Every structure is written in C-alpha cells, then in structure tokens.
Amino acid sequence: MLKRLFSVSAIILITTLSYGQEIKKESETVKTKMEVLASKTGSITKFVDNKLTNLSASDGAAETRVRKITNGAATASIYQITKEGK
C-alpha cells in the first residue's frame, strides 16, 4: 500500500515538473541587428559611415547615412536617419 502511494505521488510530481518548465521560453526578446553585433564580447567592432544626401522635410532637412558594422566575420548595413530636435 505504501509503495503504491509513493509510486503514484512520484509520477504526479514528475509529470507536473516536466510541464512546468516549458512556460519560461515565452519571454525571449527580439534583438535588432545592431544589438546582435554589439553584444559580442571579446571582439573588435568597426563602424564605417557613408554619408548620403539630406532628406528634405517640411520643417528642415534630416541627415541620412549608411553605417556598415563589422564584428569578426559578421557584417551588417544599417540605414540611419537623424535630425536634431527643437
């Protein structure tokens, strides 16, 4: 009788713990290209900016550029638009 009670309790405990571990994977955040390249520790990151013509807007012009980021063997290009605030 005691063995049967122990066996049933062990099966219920193992089943509960195995299903409880799957919930934690939901909260992963999505990283941008910049975050992925910048988060590599122990490697040298190189930034090369190529300025483009300014983007005209109703209240002025915004600066545009293409930034090439190299980190080890990984390379990415990012199009940036910047404008000074008022």
N, C-alpha and C. Protein backbone atom coordinates (compact mmCIF):
# COMPACT_ATOMS: atom_id res chain seq x y z
N MET A 1 0.83 -1.19 0.00
CA MET A 1 0.00 0.00 0.00
C MET A 1 0.87 1.26 0.00
N LEU A 2 1.90 1.27 0.82
CA LEU A 2 2.79 2.42 0.92
C LEU A 2 3.60 2.60 -0.36
N LYS A 3 4.01 1.47 -0.98
CA LYS A 3 4.75 1.55 -2.24
C LYS A 3 3.87 2.14 -3.34
N ARG A 4 2.63 1.73 -3.39
CA ARG A 4 1.71 2.21 -4.41
C ARG A 4 1.46 3.72 -4.25
N LEU A 5 1.28 4.19 -3.03
CA LEU A 5 1.08 5.60 -2.77
C LEU A 5 2.32 6.40 -3.15
N PHE A 6 3.50 5.89 -2.84
CA PHE A 6 4.75 6.56 -3.20
C PHE A 6 4.92 6.61 -4.72
N SER A 7 4.59 5.54 -5.40
CA SER A 7 4.72 5.49 -6.86
C SER A 7 3.79 6.49 -7.53
N VAL A 8 2.56 6.55 -7.11
CA VAL A 8 1.58 7.48 -7.68
C VAL A 8 2.01 8.92 -7.42
N SER A 9 2.49 9.20 -6.22
CA SER A 9 2.95 10.55 -5.89
C SER A 9 4.16 10.94 -6.74
N ALA A 10 5.07 10.02 -6.95
CA ALA A 10 6.25 10.30 -7.76
C ALA A 10 5.87 10.58 -9.21
N ILE A 11 4.96 9.82 -9.76
CA ILE A 11 4.51 10.02 -11.15
C ILE A 11 3.82 11.38 -11.30
N ILE A 12 2.98 11.74 -10.38
CA ILE A 12 2.30 13.04 -10.43
C ILE A 12 3.30 14.17 -10.30
N LEU A 13 4.28 14.04 -9.42
CA LEU A 13 5.30 15.08 -9.23
C LEU A 13 6.16 15.25 -10.48
N ILE A 14 6.60 14.16 -11.08
CA ILE A 14 7.43 14.23 -12.29
C ILE A 14 6.65 14.84 -13.45
N THR A 15 5.40 14.45 -13.61
CA THR A 15 4.57 15.00 -14.69
C THR A 15 4.35 16.49 -14.50
N THR A 16 4.09 16.94 -13.30
CA THR A 16 3.87 18.36 -13.03
C THR A 16 5.13 19.18 -13.29
N LEU A 17 6.28 18.70 -12.87
CA LEU A 17 7.53 19.43 -13.08
C LEU A 17 7.93 19.48 -14.55
N SER A 18 7.68 18.43 -15.29
CA SER A 18 8.09 18.42 -16.70
C SER A 18 7.24 19.39 -17.53
N TYR A 19 5.98 19.55 -17.25
CA TYR A 19 5.14 20.50 -17.98
C TYR A 19 5.36 21.93 -17.50
N GLY A 20 5.78 22.13 -16.29
CA GLY A 20 6.01 23.46 -15.74
C GLY A 20 7.22 24.16 -16.31
N GLN A 21 8.17 23.45 -16.86
CA GLN A 21 9.40 24.05 -17.39
C GLN A 21 9.21 24.68 -18.76
N GLU A 22 8.20 24.35 -19.52
CA GLU A 22 8.02 24.84 -20.87
C GLU A 22 7.53 26.29 -20.94
N ILE A 23 7.01 26.85 -19.90
CA ILE A 23 6.43 28.19 -19.91
C ILE A 23 7.50 29.28 -19.95
N LYS A 24 8.68 29.06 -19.46
CA LYS A 24 9.71 30.08 -19.32
C LYS A 24 10.24 30.59 -20.66
N LYS A 25 10.11 29.87 -21.75
CA LYS A 25 10.67 30.25 -23.05
C LYS A 25 9.90 31.39 -23.72
N GLU A 26 8.72 31.75 -23.27
CA GLU A 26 7.89 32.75 -23.93
C GLU A 26 8.45 34.17 -23.86
N SER A 27 9.24 34.51 -22.87
CA SER A 27 9.63 35.89 -22.64
C SER A 27 10.95 36.27 -23.33
N GLU A 28 11.35 35.58 -24.41
CA GLU A 28 12.56 35.96 -25.14
C GLU A 28 12.30 37.23 -25.94
N THR A 29 13.26 38.17 -25.90
CA THR A 29 13.10 39.41 -26.64
C THR A 29 13.79 39.31 -27.99
N VAL A 30 13.26 40.03 -28.95
CA VAL A 30 13.84 40.05 -30.28
C VAL A 30 14.92 41.13 -30.32
N LYS A 31 16.10 40.78 -30.81
CA LYS A 31 17.20 41.73 -30.87
C LYS A 31 17.33 42.29 -32.29
N THR A 32 17.72 43.55 -32.37
CA THR A 32 17.97 44.18 -33.66
C THR A 32 19.35 43.78 -34.16
N LYS A 33 19.64 44.11 -35.43
CA LYS A 33 20.96 43.82 -35.98
C LYS A 33 22.05 44.50 -35.17
N MET A 34 21.80 45.73 -34.76
CA MET A 34 22.79 46.49 -34.00
C MET A 34 23.06 45.82 -32.65
N GLU A 35 22.03 45.36 -31.96
CA GLU A 35 22.20 44.72 -30.66
C GLU A 35 22.94 43.39 -30.78
N VAL A 36 22.68 42.64 -31.85
CA VAL A 36 23.35 41.35 -32.03
C VAL A 36 24.84 41.56 -32.24
N LEU A 37 25.20 42.52 -33.09
CA LEU A 37 26.62 42.76 -33.36
C LEU A 37 27.34 43.40 -32.18
N ALA A 38 26.68 44.29 -31.47
CA ALA A 38 27.31 45.00 -30.36
C ALA A 38 27.42 44.13 -29.11
N SER A 39 26.65 43.07 -29.00
CA SER A 39 26.66 42.25 -27.79
C SER A 39 27.76 41.20 -27.79
N LYS A 40 28.51 41.07 -28.86
CA LYS A 40 29.58 40.08 -28.91
C LYS A 40 30.79 40.62 -28.14
N THR A 41 31.10 39.98 -27.02
CA THR A 41 32.21 40.43 -26.21
C THR A 41 33.50 39.77 -26.68
N GLY A 42 34.60 40.47 -26.49
CA GLY A 42 35.89 39.93 -26.84
C GLY A 42 36.26 40.06 -28.31
N SER A 43 35.49 40.81 -29.07
CA SER A 43 35.81 41.01 -30.49
C SER A 43 35.79 42.50 -30.81
N ILE A 44 36.52 42.86 -31.84
CA ILE A 44 36.62 44.26 -32.23
C ILE A 44 35.49 44.60 -33.19
N THR A 45 34.80 45.70 -32.93
CA THR A 45 33.71 46.17 -33.76
C THR A 45 34.17 47.40 -34.53
N LYS A 46 33.95 47.39 -35.84
CA LYS A 46 34.37 48.51 -36.70
C LYS A 46 33.13 49.14 -37.33
N PHE A 47 33.01 50.47 -37.21
CA PHE A 47 31.90 51.23 -37.79
C PHE A 47 32.44 52.08 -38.93
N VAL A 48 31.80 52.01 -40.11
CA VAL A 48 32.16 52.85 -41.25
C VAL A 48 30.89 53.55 -41.70
N ASP A 49 30.91 54.92 -41.66
CA ASP A 49 29.75 55.71 -42.06
C ASP A 49 29.93 56.25 -43.48
N ASN A 50 28.90 56.10 -44.30
CA ASN A 50 28.86 56.67 -45.64
C ASN A 50 27.71 57.67 -45.67
N LYS A 51 28.04 58.96 -45.75
CA LYS A 51 27.01 60.00 -45.73
C LYS A 51 26.30 60.05 -47.08
N LEU A 52 25.00 60.25 -47.01
CA LEU A 52 24.16 60.39 -48.20
C LEU A 52 23.60 61.80 -48.25
N THR A 53 22.86 62.09 -49.30
CA THR A 53 22.24 63.42 -49.39
C THR A 53 21.18 63.56 -48.32
N ASN A 54 20.96 64.82 -47.89
CA ASN A 54 19.99 65.08 -46.84
C ASN A 54 18.57 64.80 -47.32
N LEU A 55 17.75 64.34 -46.40
CA LEU A 55 16.35 64.05 -46.66
C LEU A 55 15.55 65.29 -46.33
N SER A 56 14.83 65.84 -47.31
CA SER A 56 14.08 67.08 -47.06
C SER A 56 12.76 66.77 -46.36
N ALA A 57 12.43 67.64 -45.41
CA ALA A 57 11.19 67.52 -44.66
C ALA A 57 10.53 68.88 -44.61
N SER A 58 9.33 68.95 -44.10
CA SER A 58 8.59 70.22 -44.08
C SER A 58 9.23 71.26 -43.16
N ASP A 59 9.88 70.82 -42.10
CA ASP A 59 10.47 71.76 -41.15
C ASP A 59 12.00 71.72 -41.14
N GLY A 60 12.62 71.30 -42.22
CA GLY A 60 14.07 71.28 -42.29
C GLY A 60 14.55 70.03 -43.03
N ALA A 61 15.81 69.72 -42.85
CA ALA A 61 16.39 68.55 -43.51
C ALA A 61 16.94 67.59 -42.45
N ALA A 62 16.84 66.31 -42.75
CA ALA A 62 17.37 65.28 -41.86
C ALA A 62 18.60 64.66 -42.51
N GLU A 63 19.60 64.39 -41.70
CA GLU A 63 20.83 63.78 -42.19
C GLU A 63 20.61 62.28 -42.38
N THR A 64 21.09 61.74 -43.49
CA THR A 64 20.98 60.30 -43.75
C THR A 64 22.36 59.71 -43.98
N ARG A 65 22.51 58.46 -43.59
CA ARG A 65 23.78 57.77 -43.81
C ARG A 65 23.55 56.27 -43.76
N VAL A 66 24.50 55.55 -44.34
CA VAL A 66 24.52 54.09 -44.25
C VAL A 66 25.70 53.73 -43.38
N ARG A 67 25.45 53.00 -42.31
CA ARG A 67 26.51 52.59 -41.40
C ARG A 67 26.79 51.10 -41.61
N LYS A 68 28.03 50.80 -41.95
CA LYS A 68 28.46 49.42 -42.12
C LYS A 68 29.16 48.99 -40.85
N ILE A 69 28.68 47.92 -40.23
CA ILE A 69 29.21 47.42 -38.97
C ILE A 69 29.85 46.07 -39.22
N THR A 70 31.11 45.94 -38.82
CA THR A 70 31.83 44.68 -38.96
C THR A 70 32.29 44.24 -37.59
N ASN A 71 31.95 43.00 -37.25
CA ASN A 71 32.34 42.42 -35.97
C ASN A 71 32.78 40.99 -36.22
N GLY A 72 34.07 40.78 -36.30
CA GLY A 72 34.58 39.44 -36.61
C GLY A 72 34.22 39.09 -38.04
N ALA A 73 33.50 38.00 -38.24
CA ALA A 73 33.09 37.57 -39.58
C ALA A 73 31.72 38.12 -39.95
N ALA A 74 30.99 38.69 -39.01
CA ALA A 74 29.65 39.20 -39.27
C ALA A 74 29.70 40.65 -39.74
N THR A 75 28.93 40.96 -40.79
CA THR A 75 28.85 42.32 -41.32
C THR A 75 27.38 42.66 -41.55
N ALA A 76 27.01 43.90 -41.21
CA ALA A 76 25.63 44.35 -41.42
C ALA A 76 25.66 45.81 -41.85
N SER A 77 24.66 46.20 -42.63
CA SER A 77 24.49 47.59 -43.05
C SER A 77 23.19 48.12 -42.49
N ILE A 78 23.24 49.33 -41.95
CA ILE A 78 22.06 49.94 -41.34
C ILE A 78 21.87 51.33 -41.93
N TYR A 79 20.64 51.63 -42.36
CA TYR A 79 20.28 52.93 -42.90
C TYR A 79 19.79 53.78 -41.74
N GLN A 80 20.43 54.93 -41.50
CA GLN A 80 20.07 55.78 -40.37
C GLN A 80 19.61 57.15 -40.85
N ILE A 81 18.57 57.65 -40.20
CA ILE A 81 18.06 59.00 -40.45
C ILE A 81 18.11 59.73 -39.12
N THR A 82 18.83 60.85 -39.06
CA THR A 82 18.94 61.62 -37.82
C THR A 82 18.55 63.05 -38.05
N LYS A 83 17.90 63.65 -37.06
CA LYS A 83 17.51 65.04 -37.12
C LYS A 83 17.57 65.63 -35.73
N GLU A 84 18.14 66.80 -35.60
CA GLU A 84 18.22 67.46 -34.30
C GLU A 84 16.84 67.87 -33.85
N GLY A 85 16.56 67.71 -32.56
CA GLY A 85 15.28 68.12 -32.01
C GLY A 85 15.25 69.61 -31.75
N LYS A 86 14.06 70.13 -31.49
CA LYS A 86 13.91 71.56 -31.23
C LYS A 86 14.26 71.89 -29.81
